[in-house]
Amino acid sequence: MPTEIPVADLWPPPYLIRAARGLVGIDQATLAEYAHVSRKAIVALENDESVALDYRRVAVLEKVCACLEKRGVEFIKAVGGKGEGVRLSRPKRR
């Protein structure tokens, strides 16, 4: 099992987490509570500029993304010269 995964191989990239969190209007502490991770983990993820993430940070990214997607966030990949981003749709029902 590799200990690090290149950020280029991850979707969404960590820097879109802050944008998604702002879109749904929740702070880092609230997102951490919803995703069952520490606030410190959210801060580290949002500020990470590494070219690769270790498996623990990837696990945090997966939990946080699932939490945001349940609240209606869509992560949009770059297409046709337009950059990647986030948008809000209707929240998914449980």
PDB file of N, CA and C in Angstrom:
ATOM      1  N   MET A   1       0.846  -1.184   0.000  1.00  0.00           N
ATOM      2  CA  MET A   1       0.000   0.000   0.000  1.00  0.00           C
ATOM      3  C   MET A   1       0.887   1.242   0.000  1.00  0.00           C
ATOM      4  N   PRO A   2       0.706   2.141  -0.984  1.00  0.00           N
ATOM      5  CA  PRO A   2       1.528   3.349  -1.012  1.00  0.00           C
ATOM      6  C   PRO A   2       1.196   4.241   0.180  1.00  0.00           C
ATOM      7  N   THR A   3       2.215   4.908   0.692  1.00  0.00           N
ATOM      8  CA  THR A   3       1.988   5.773   1.841  1.00  0.00           C
ATOM      9  C   THR A   3       1.558   7.172   1.424  1.00  0.00           C
ATOM     10  N   GLU A   4       1.801   7.539   0.174  1.00  0.00           N
ATOM     11  CA  GLU A   4       1.392   8.848  -0.327  1.00  0.00           C
ATOM     12  C   GLU A   4       0.726   8.709  -1.684  1.00  0.00           C
ATOM     13  N   ILE A   5      -0.241   9.586  -1.928  1.00  0.00           N
ATOM     14  CA  ILE A   5      -0.948   9.616  -3.206  1.00  0.00           C
ATOM     15  C   ILE A   5      -0.753  11.007  -3.796  1.00  0.00           C
ATOM     16  N   PRO A   6      -0.341  11.104  -5.072  1.00  0.00           N
ATOM     17  CA  PRO A   6      -0.174  12.419  -5.687  1.00  0.00           C
ATOM     18  C   PRO A   6      -1.494  13.192  -5.696  1.00  0.00           C
ATOM     19  N   VAL A   7      -1.427  14.473  -5.368  1.00  0.00           N
ATOM     20  CA  VAL A   7      -2.627  15.306  -5.353  1.00  0.00           C
ATOM     21  C   VAL A   7      -3.284  15.313  -6.729  1.00  0.00           C
ATOM     22  N   ALA A   8      -2.484  15.230  -7.789  1.00  0.00           N
ATOM     23  CA  ALA A   8      -3.036  15.211  -9.145  1.00  0.00           C
ATOM     24  C   ALA A   8      -3.947  14.009  -9.379  1.00  0.00           C
ATOM     25  N   ASP A   9      -3.785  12.943  -8.593  1.00  0.00           N
ATOM     26  CA  ASP A   9      -4.616  11.746  -8.734  1.00  0.00           C
ATOM     27  C   ASP A   9      -5.864  11.788  -7.857  1.00  0.00           C
ATOM     28  N   LEU A  10      -6.018  12.825  -7.048  1.00  0.00           N
ATOM     29  CA  LEU A  10      -7.153  12.919  -6.127  1.00  0.00           C
ATOM     30  C   LEU A  10      -8.258  13.793  -6.704  1.00  0.00           C
ATOM     31  N   TRP A  11      -9.490  13.433  -6.404  1.00  0.00           N
ATOM     32  CA  TRP A  11     -10.620  14.300  -6.750  1.00  0.00           C
ATOM     33  C   TRP A  11     -11.579  14.329  -5.592  1.00  0.00           C
ATOM     34  N   PRO A  12     -11.976  15.491  -5.156  1.00  0.00           N
ATOM     35  CA  PRO A  12     -11.497  16.816  -5.543  1.00  0.00           C
ATOM     36  C   PRO A  12     -10.169  17.140  -4.871  1.00  0.00           C
ATOM     37  N   PRO A  13      -9.464  18.122  -5.425  1.00  0.00           N
ATOM     38  CA  PRO A  13      -8.222  18.534  -4.779  1.00  0.00           C
ATOM     39  C   PRO A  13      -8.542  19.228  -3.451  1.00  0.00           C
ATOM     40  N   PRO A  14      -7.656  19.138  -2.494  1.00  0.00           N
ATOM     41  CA  PRO A  14      -7.925  19.704  -1.169  1.00  0.00           C
ATOM     42  C   PRO A  14      -8.311  21.183  -1.161  1.00  0.00           C
ATOM     43  N   TYR A  15      -7.774  21.979  -2.091  1.00  0.00           N
ATOM     44  CA  TYR A  15      -8.076  23.415  -2.057  1.00  0.00           C
ATOM     45  C   TYR A  15      -9.537  23.726  -2.364  1.00  0.00           C
ATOM     46  N   LEU A  16     -10.275  22.793  -2.963  1.00  0.00           N
ATOM     47  CA  LEU A  16     -11.696  23.035  -3.213  1.00  0.00           C
ATOM     48  C   LEU A  16     -12.555  22.832  -1.965  1.00  0.00           C
ATOM     49  N   ILE A  17     -11.991  22.237  -0.931  1.00  0.00           N
ATOM     50  CA  ILE A  17     -12.749  22.003   0.301  1.00  0.00           C
ATOM     51  C   ILE A  17     -13.152  23.324   0.940  1.00  0.00           C
ATOM     52  N   ARG A  18     -12.233  24.264   1.011  1.00  0.00           N
ATOM     53  CA  ARG A  18     -12.547  25.566   1.606  1.00  0.00           C
ATOM     54  C   ARG A  18     -13.664  26.253   0.828  1.00  0.00           C
ATOM     55  N   ALA A  19     -13.594  26.207  -0.498  1.00  0.00           N
ATOM     56  CA  ALA A  19     -14.640  26.817  -1.321  1.00  0.00           C
ATOM     57  C   ALA A  19     -15.989  26.147  -1.077  1.00  0.00           C
ATOM     58  N   ALA A  20     -15.986  24.829  -0.991  1.00  0.00           N
ATOM     59  CA  ALA A  20     -17.229  24.088  -0.763  1.00  0.00           C
ATOM     60  C   ALA A  20     -17.802  24.399   0.613  1.00  0.00           C
ATOM     61  N   ARG A  21     -16.948  24.489   1.590  1.00  0.00           N
ATOM     62  CA  ARG A  21     -17.391  24.795   2.950  1.00  0.00           C
ATOM     63  C   ARG A  21     -18.023  26.180   3.001  1.00  0.00           C
ATOM     64  N   GLY A  22     -17.404  27.136   2.323  1.00  0.00           N
ATOM     65  CA  GLY A  22     -17.968  28.482   2.259  1.00  0.00           C
ATOM     66  C   GLY A  22     -19.310  28.509   1.551  1.00  0.00           C
ATOM     67  N   LEU A  23     -19.440  27.693   0.533  1.00  0.00           N
ATOM     68  CA  LEU A  23     -20.681  27.633  -0.233  1.00  0.00           C
ATOM     69  C   LEU A  23     -21.858  27.174   0.622  1.00  0.00           C
ATOM     70  N   VAL A  24     -21.633  26.217   1.503  1.00  0.00           N
ATOM     71  CA  VAL A  24     -22.722  25.736   2.359  1.00  0.00           C
ATOM     72  C   VAL A  24     -22.800  26.508   3.676  1.00  0.00           C
ATOM     73  N   GLY A  25     -21.863  27.429   3.896  1.00  0.00           N
ATOM     74  CA  GLY A  25     -21.934  28.318   5.048  1.00  0.00           C
ATOM     75  C   GLY A  25     -21.645  27.674   6.390  1.00  0.00           C
ATOM     76  N   ILE A  26     -20.659  26.782   6.421  1.00  0.00           N
ATOM     77  CA  ILE A  26     -20.282  26.184   7.701  1.00  0.00           C
ATOM     78  C   ILE A  26     -18.806  26.455   7.982  1.00  0.00           C
ATOM     79  N   ASP A  27     -18.488  26.568   9.256  1.00  0.00           N
ATOM     80  CA  ASP A  27     -17.100  26.817   9.630  1.00  0.00           C
ATOM     81  C   ASP A  27     -16.337  25.500   9.765  1.00  0.00           C
ATOM     82  N   GLN A  28     -15.043  25.616   9.989  1.00  0.00           N
ATOM     83  CA  GLN A  28     -14.197  24.424  10.073  1.00  0.00           C
ATOM     84  C   GLN A  28     -14.612  23.501  11.209  1.00  0.00           C
ATOM     85  N   ALA A  29     -14.955  24.072  12.350  1.00  0.00           N
ATOM     86  CA  ALA A  29     -15.339  23.244  13.500  1.00  0.00           C
ATOM     87  C   ALA A  29     -16.616  22.454  13.219  1.00  0.00           C
ATOM     88  N   THR A  30     -17.571  23.092  12.566  1.00  0.00           N
ATOM     89  CA  THR A  30     -18.830  22.413  12.242  1.00  0.00           C
ATOM     90  C   THR A  30     -18.598  21.305  11.229  1.00  0.00           C
ATOM     91  N   LEU A  31     -17.807  21.590  10.201  1.00  0.00           N
ATOM     92  CA  LEU A  31     -17.502  20.557   9.211  1.00  0.00           C
ATOM     93  C   LEU A  31     -16.786  19.386   9.868  1.00  0.00           C
ATOM     94  N   ALA A  32     -15.861  19.675  10.749  1.00  0.00           N
ATOM     95  CA  ALA A  32     -15.135  18.616  11.454  1.00  0.00           C
ATOM     96  C   ALA A  32     -16.098  17.739  12.251  1.00  0.00           C
ATOM     97  N   GLU A  33     -17.046  18.379  12.920  1.00  0.00           N
ATOM     98  CA  GLU A  33     -18.034  17.621  13.700  1.00  0.00           C
ATOM     99  C   GLU A  33     -18.887  16.740  12.784  1.00  0.00           C
ATOM    100  N   TYR A  34     -19.384  17.306  11.691  1.00  0.00           N
ATOM    101  CA  TYR A  34     -20.219  16.551  10.746  1.00  0.00           C
ATOM    102  C   TYR A  34     -19.465  15.370  10.136  1.00  0.00           C
ATOM    103  N   ALA A  35     -18.179  15.584   9.826  1.00  0.00           N
ATOM    104  CA  ALA A  35     -17.384  14.559   9.144  1.00  0.00           C
ATOM    105  C   ALA A  35     -16.692  13.599  10.119  1.00  0.00           C
ATOM    106  N   HIS A  36     -16.834  13.861  11.411  1.00  0.00           N
ATOM    107  CA  HIS A  36     -16.213  13.023  12.447  1.00  0.00           C
ATOM    108  C   HIS A  36     -14.688  12.994  12.328  1.00  0.00           C
ATOM    109  N   VAL A  37     -14.128  14.193  12.130  1.00  0.00           N
ATOM    110  CA  VAL A  37     -12.676  14.368  12.130  1.00  0.00           C
ATOM    111  C   VAL A  37     -12.370  15.573  13.021  1.00  0.00           C
ATOM    112  N   SER A  38     -11.108  15.810  13.297  1.00  0.00           N
ATOM    113  CA  SER A  38     -10.749  16.956  14.137  1.00  0.00           C
ATOM    114  C   SER A  38     -10.723  18.243  13.310  1.00  0.00           C
ATOM    115  N   ARG A  39     -10.911  19.367  13.995  1.00  0.00           N
ATOM    116  CA  ARG A  39     -10.809  20.655  13.315  1.00  0.00           C
ATOM    117  C   ARG A  39      -9.389  20.838  12.782  1.00  0.00           C
ATOM    118  N   LYS A  40      -8.422  20.368  13.533  1.00  0.00           N
ATOM    119  CA  LYS A  40      -7.023  20.448  13.103  1.00  0.00           C
ATOM    120  C   LYS A  40      -6.831  19.732  11.762  1.00  0.00           C
ATOM    121  N   ALA A  41      -7.524  18.614  11.571  1.00  0.00           N
ATOM    122  CA  ALA A  41      -7.431  17.877  10.301  1.00  0.00           C
ATOM    123  C   ALA A  41      -8.014  18.694   9.151  1.00  0.00           C
ATOM    124  N   ILE A  42      -9.105  19.418   9.412  1.00  0.00           N
ATOM    125  CA  ILE A  42      -9.715  20.273   8.383  1.00  0.00           C
ATOM    126  C   ILE A  42      -8.760  21.407   8.021  1.00  0.00           C
ATOM    127  N   VAL A  43      -8.199  22.055   9.032  1.00  0.00           N
ATOM    128  CA  VAL A  43      -7.254  23.151   8.800  1.00  0.00           C
ATOM    129  C   VAL A  43      -6.071  22.657   7.973  1.00  0.00           C
ATOM    130  N   ALA A  44      -5.508  21.531   8.352  1.00  0.00           N
ATOM    131  CA  ALA A  44      -4.355  20.978   7.635  1.00  0.00           C
ATOM    132  C   ALA A  44      -4.715  20.645   6.192  1.00  0.00           C
ATOM    133  N   LEU A  45      -5.894  20.082   5.981  1.00  0.00           N
ATOM    134  CA  LEU A  45      -6.320  19.713   4.633  1.00  0.00           C
ATOM    135  C   LEU A  45      -6.515  20.950   3.763  1.00  0.00           C
ATOM    136  N   GLU A  46      -7.217  21.956   4.287  1.00  0.00           N
ATOM    137  CA  GLU A  46      -7.487  23.165   3.505  1.00  0.00           C
ATOM    138  C   GLU A  46      -6.219  23.945   3.176  1.00  0.00           C
ATOM    139  N   ASN A  47      -5.219  23.868   4.032  1.00  0.00           N
ATOM    140  CA  ASN A  47      -3.986  24.630   3.825  1.00  0.00           C
ATOM    141  C   ASN A  47      -2.876  23.824   3.163  1.00  0.00           C
ATOM    142  N   ASP A  48      -3.139  22.579   2.849  1.00  0.00           N
ATOM    143  CA  ASP A  48      -2.108  21.702   2.295  1.00  0.00           C
ATOM    144  C   ASP A  48      -1.778  22.099   0.861  1.00  0.00           C
ATOM    145  N   GLU A  49      -0.514  22.320   0.593  1.00  0.00           N
ATOM    146  CA  GLU A  49      -0.050  22.631  -0.760  1.00  0.00           C
ATOM    147  C   GLU A  49       0.957  21.594  -1.243  1.00  0.00           C
ATOM    148  N   SER A  50       0.919  20.429  -0.638  1.00  0.00           N
ATOM    149  CA  SER A  50       1.837  19.353  -0.999  1.00  0.00           C
ATOM    150  C   SER A  50       1.507  18.814  -2.384  1.00  0.00           C
ATOM    151  N   VAL A  51       2.460  18.122  -2.968  1.00  0.00           N
ATOM    152  CA  VAL A  51       2.212  17.458  -4.244  1.00  0.00           C
ATOM    153  C   VAL A  51       1.670  16.052  -4.029  1.00  0.00           C
ATOM    154  N   ALA A  52       1.733  15.575  -2.774  1.00  0.00           N
ATOM    155  CA  ALA A  52       1.204  14.249  -2.440  1.00  0.00           C
ATOM    156  C   ALA A  52       0.650  14.286  -1.018  1.00  0.00           C
ATOM    157  N   LEU A  53      -0.370  13.462  -0.775  1.00  0.00           N
ATOM    158  CA  LEU A  53      -0.971  13.362   0.555  1.00  0.00           C
ATOM    159  C   LEU A  53      -0.774  11.960   1.095  1.00  0.00           C
ATOM    160  N   ASP A  54      -0.537  11.856   2.403  1.00  0.00           N
ATOM    161  CA  ASP A  54      -0.431  10.526   2.984  1.00  0.00           C
ATOM    162  C   ASP A  54      -1.830   9.932   3.146  1.00  0.00           C
ATOM    163  N   TYR A  55      -1.880   8.639   3.399  1.00  0.00           N
ATOM    164  CA  TYR A  55      -3.154   7.930   3.426  1.00  0.00           C
ATOM    165  C   TYR A  55      -4.105   8.469   4.490  1.00  0.00           C
ATOM    166  N   ARG A  56      -3.572   9.019   5.581  1.00  0.00           N
ATOM    167  CA  ARG A  56      -4.445   9.572   6.633  1.00  0.00           C
ATOM    168  C   ARG A  56      -5.148  10.826   6.146  1.00  0.00           C
ATOM    169  N   ARG A  57      -4.420  11.689   5.457  1.00  0.00           N
ATOM    170  CA  ARG A  57      -5.028  12.909   4.939  1.00  0.00           C
ATOM    171  C   ARG A  57      -6.008  12.580   3.823  1.00  0.00           C
ATOM    172  N   VAL A  58      -5.724  11.556   3.032  1.00  0.00           N
ATOM    173  CA  VAL A  58      -6.664  11.117   1.992  1.00  0.00           C
ATOM    174  C   VAL A  58      -7.960  10.632   2.638  1.00  0.00           C
ATOM    175  N   ALA A  59      -7.860   9.908   3.747  1.00  0.00           N
ATOM    176  CA  ALA A  59      -9.057   9.435   4.459  1.00  0.00           C
ATOM    177  C   ALA A  59      -9.888  10.612   4.958  1.00  0.00           C
ATOM    178  N   VAL A  60      -9.232  11.654   5.454  1.00  0.00           N
ATOM    179  CA  VAL A  60      -9.948  12.859   5.895  1.00  0.00           C
ATOM    180  C   VAL A  60     -10.638  13.506   4.702  1.00  0.00           C
ATOM    181  N   LEU A  61      -9.935  13.623   3.581  1.00  0.00           N
ATOM    182  CA  LEU A  61     -10.515  14.207   2.373  1.00  0.00           C
ATOM    183  C   LEU A  61     -11.773  13.450   1.954  1.00  0.00           C
ATOM    184  N   GLU A  62     -11.728  12.142   1.980  1.00  0.00           N
ATOM    185  CA  GLU A  62     -12.888  11.330   1.591  1.00  0.00           C
ATOM    186  C   GLU A  62     -14.070  11.559   2.526  1.00  0.00           C
ATOM    187  N   LYS A  63     -13.832  11.604   3.823  1.00  0.00           N
ATOM    188  CA  LYS A  63     -14.912  11.842   4.793  1.00  0.00           C
ATOM    189  C   LYS A  63     -15.521  13.226   4.607  1.00  0.00           C
ATOM    190  N   VAL A  64     -14.661  14.213   4.439  1.00  0.00           N
ATOM    191  CA  VAL A  64     -15.122  15.591   4.293  1.00  0.00           C
ATOM    192  C   VAL A  64     -15.922  15.754   2.998  1.00  0.00           C
ATOM    193  N   CYS A  65     -15.444  15.176   1.913  1.00  0.00           N
ATOM    194  CA  CYS A  65     -16.163  15.263   0.638  1.00  0.00           C
ATOM    195  C   CYS A  65     -17.537  14.618   0.732  1.00  0.00           C
ATOM    196  N   ALA A  66     -17.609  13.457   1.340  1.00  0.00           N
ATOM    197  CA  ALA A  66     -18.898  12.779   1.497  1.00  0.00           C
ATOM    198  C   ALA A  66     -19.858  13.649   2.296  1.00  0.00           C
ATOM    199  N   CYS A  67     -19.363  14.269   3.335  1.00  0.00           N
ATOM    200  CA  CYS A  67     -20.182  15.140   4.171  1.00  0.00           C
ATOM    201  C   CYS A  67     -20.693  16.345   3.371  1.00  0.00           C
ATOM    202  N   LEU A  68     -19.821  16.981   2.620  1.00  0.00           N
ATOM    203  CA  LEU A  68     -20.209  18.142   1.820  1.00  0.00           C
ATOM    204  C   LEU A  68     -21.177  17.757   0.703  1.00  0.00           C
ATOM    205  N   GLU A  69     -20.951  16.622   0.076  1.00  0.00           N
ATOM    206  CA  GLU A  69     -21.849  16.167  -0.985  1.00  0.00           C
ATOM    207  C   GLU A  69     -23.245  15.872  -0.442  1.00  0.00           C
ATOM    208  N   LYS A  70     -23.347  15.364   0.767  1.00  0.00           N
ATOM    209  CA  LYS A  70     -24.657  15.136   1.389  1.00  0.00           C
ATOM    210  C   LYS A  70     -25.392  16.451   1.616  1.00  0.00           C
ATOM    211  N   ARG A  71     -24.649  17.533   1.723  1.00  0.00           N
ATOM    212  CA  ARG A  71     -25.243  18.846   1.920  1.00  0.00           C
ATOM    213  C   ARG A  71     -25.445  19.591   0.608  1.00  0.00           C
ATOM    214  N   GLY A  72     -25.293  18.888  -0.508  1.00  0.00           N
ATOM    215  CA  GLY A  72     -25.620  19.457  -1.809  1.00  0.00           C
ATOM    216  C   GLY A  72     -24.478  20.020  -2.613  1.00  0.00           C
ATOM    217  N   VAL A  73     -23.251  19.862  -2.153  1.00  0.00           N
ATOM    218  CA  VAL A  73     -22.104  20.371  -2.905  1.00  0.00           C
ATOM    219  C   VAL A  73     -21.786  19.426  -4.057  1.00  0.00           C
ATOM    220  N   GLU A  74     -21.552  20.012  -5.221  1.00  0.00           N
ATOM    221  CA  GLU A  74     -21.060  19.255  -6.377  1.00  0.00           C
ATOM    222  C   GLU A  74     -19.672  19.778  -6.708  1.00  0.00           C
ATOM    223  N   PHE A  75     -18.724  18.873  -6.819  1.00  0.00           N
ATOM    224  CA  PHE A  75     -17.370  19.229  -7.223  1.00  0.00           C
ATOM    225  C   PHE A  75     -17.303  19.069  -8.737  1.00  0.00           C
ATOM    226  N   ILE A  76     -16.903  20.145  -9.435  1.00  0.00           N
ATOM    227  CA  ILE A  76     -16.940  20.183 -10.893  1.00  0.00           C
ATOM    228  C   ILE A  76     -15.521  20.124 -11.444  1.00  0.00           C
ATOM    229  N   LYS A  77     -15.287  19.162 -12.322  1.00  0.00           N
ATOM    230  CA  LYS A  77     -13.969  19.035 -12.960  1.00  0.00           C
ATOM    231  C   LYS A  77     -13.834  20.054 -14.093  1.00  0.00           C
ATOM    232  N   ALA A  78     -12.598  20.425 -14.396  1.00  0.00           N
ATOM    233  CA  ALA A  78     -12.320  21.347 -15.491  1.00  0.00           C
ATOM    234  C   ALA A  78     -12.710  20.701 -16.815  1.00  0.00           C
ATOM    235  N   VAL A  79     -13.409  21.477 -17.649  1.00  0.00           N
ATOM    236  CA  VAL A  79     -13.858  20.973 -18.948  1.00  0.00           C
ATOM    237  C   VAL A  79     -13.803  22.115 -19.961  1.00  0.00           C
ATOM    238  N   GLY A  80     -13.304  21.814 -21.138  1.00  0.00           N
ATOM    239  CA  GLY A  80     -13.341  22.778 -22.234  1.00  0.00           C
ATOM    240  C   GLY A  80     -12.706  24.123 -21.924  1.00  0.00           C
ATOM    241  N   GLY A  81     -11.591  24.118 -21.249  1.00  0.00           N
ATOM    242  CA  GLY A  81     -10.902  25.364 -20.946  1.00  0.00           C
ATOM    243  C   GLY A  81     -11.442  26.099 -19.733  1.00  0.00           C
ATOM    244  N   LYS A  82     -12.509  25.586 -19.143  1.00  0.00           N
ATOM    245  CA  LYS A  82     -13.055  26.200 -17.930  1.00  0.00           C
ATOM    246  C   LYS A  82     -12.512  25.457 -16.721  1.00  0.00           C
ATOM    247  N   GLY A  83     -12.185  26.195 -15.699  1.00  0.00           N
ATOM    248  CA  GLY A  83     -11.568  25.616 -14.513  1.00  0.00           C
ATOM    249  C   GLY A  83     -12.520  24.808 -13.657  1.00  0.00           C
ATOM    250  N   GLU A  84     -11.923  24.068 -12.738  1.00  0.00           N
ATOM    251  CA  GLU A  84     -12.712  23.283 -11.799  1.00  0.00           C
ATOM    252  C   GLU A  84     -13.299  24.192 -10.734  1.00  0.00           C
ATOM    253  N   GLY A  85     -14.301  23.675 -10.025  1.00  0.00           N
ATOM    254  CA  GLY A  85     -14.934  24.480  -8.991  1.00  0.00           C
ATOM    255  C   GLY A  85     -15.960  23.686  -8.211  1.00  0.00           C
ATOM    256  N   VAL A  86     -16.823  24.418  -7.534  1.00  0.00           N
ATOM    257  CA  VAL A  86     -17.894  23.809  -6.746  1.00  0.00           C
ATOM    258  C   VAL A  86     -19.194  24.543  -7.044  1.00  0.00           C
ATOM    259  N   ARG A  87     -20.293  23.838  -6.885  1.00  0.00           N
ATOM    260  CA  ARG A  87     -21.601  24.470  -6.985  1.00  0.00           C
ATOM    261  C   ARG A  87     -22.539  23.761  -6.025  1.00  0.00           C
ATOM    262  N   LEU A  88     -23.659  24.393  -5.774  1.00  0.00           N
ATOM    263  CA  LEU A  88     -24.624  23.858  -4.835  1.00  0.00           C
ATOM    264  C   LEU A  88     -25.848  23.361  -5.584  1.00  0.00           C
ATOM    265  N   SER A  89     -26.225  22.147  -5.281  1.00  0.00           N
ATOM    266  CA  SER A  89     -27.464  21.587  -5.822  1.00  0.00           C
ATOM    267  C   SER A  89     -28.334  21.224  -4.632  1.00  0.00           C
ATOM    268  N   ARG A  90     -29.376  20.518  -4.876  1.00  0.00           N
ATOM    269  CA  ARG A  90     -30.221  20.092  -3.762  1.00  0.00           C
ATOM    270  C   ARG A  90     -29.478  19.041  -2.945  1.00  0.00           C
ATOM    271  N   PRO A  91     -29.601  19.105  -1.622  1.00  0.00           N
ATOM    272  CA  PRO A  91     -28.960  18.075  -0.791  1.00  0.00           C
ATOM    273  C   PRO A  91     -29.504  16.688  -1.106  1.00  0.00           C
ATOM    274  N   LYS A  92     -28.625  15.695  -1.044  1.00  0.00           N
ATOM    275  CA  LYS A  92     -29.046  14.315  -1.273  1.00  0.00           C
ATOM    276  C   LYS A  92     -29.827  13.823  -0.068  1.00  0.00           C
ATOM    277  N   ARG A  93     -30.885  13.077  -0.333  1.00  0.00           N
ATOM    278  CA  ARG A  93     -31.676  12.518   0.764  1.00  0.00           C
ATOM    279  C   ARG A  93     -31.009  11.259   1.266  1.00  0.00           C
ATOM    280  N   ARG A  94     -31.140  11.029   2.551  1.00  0.00           N
ATOM    281  CA  ARG A  94     -30.540   9.844   3.160  1.00  0.00           C
ATOM    282  C   ARG A  94     -31.374   8.636   2.912  1.00  0.00           C
TER     283      ARG A  94
END
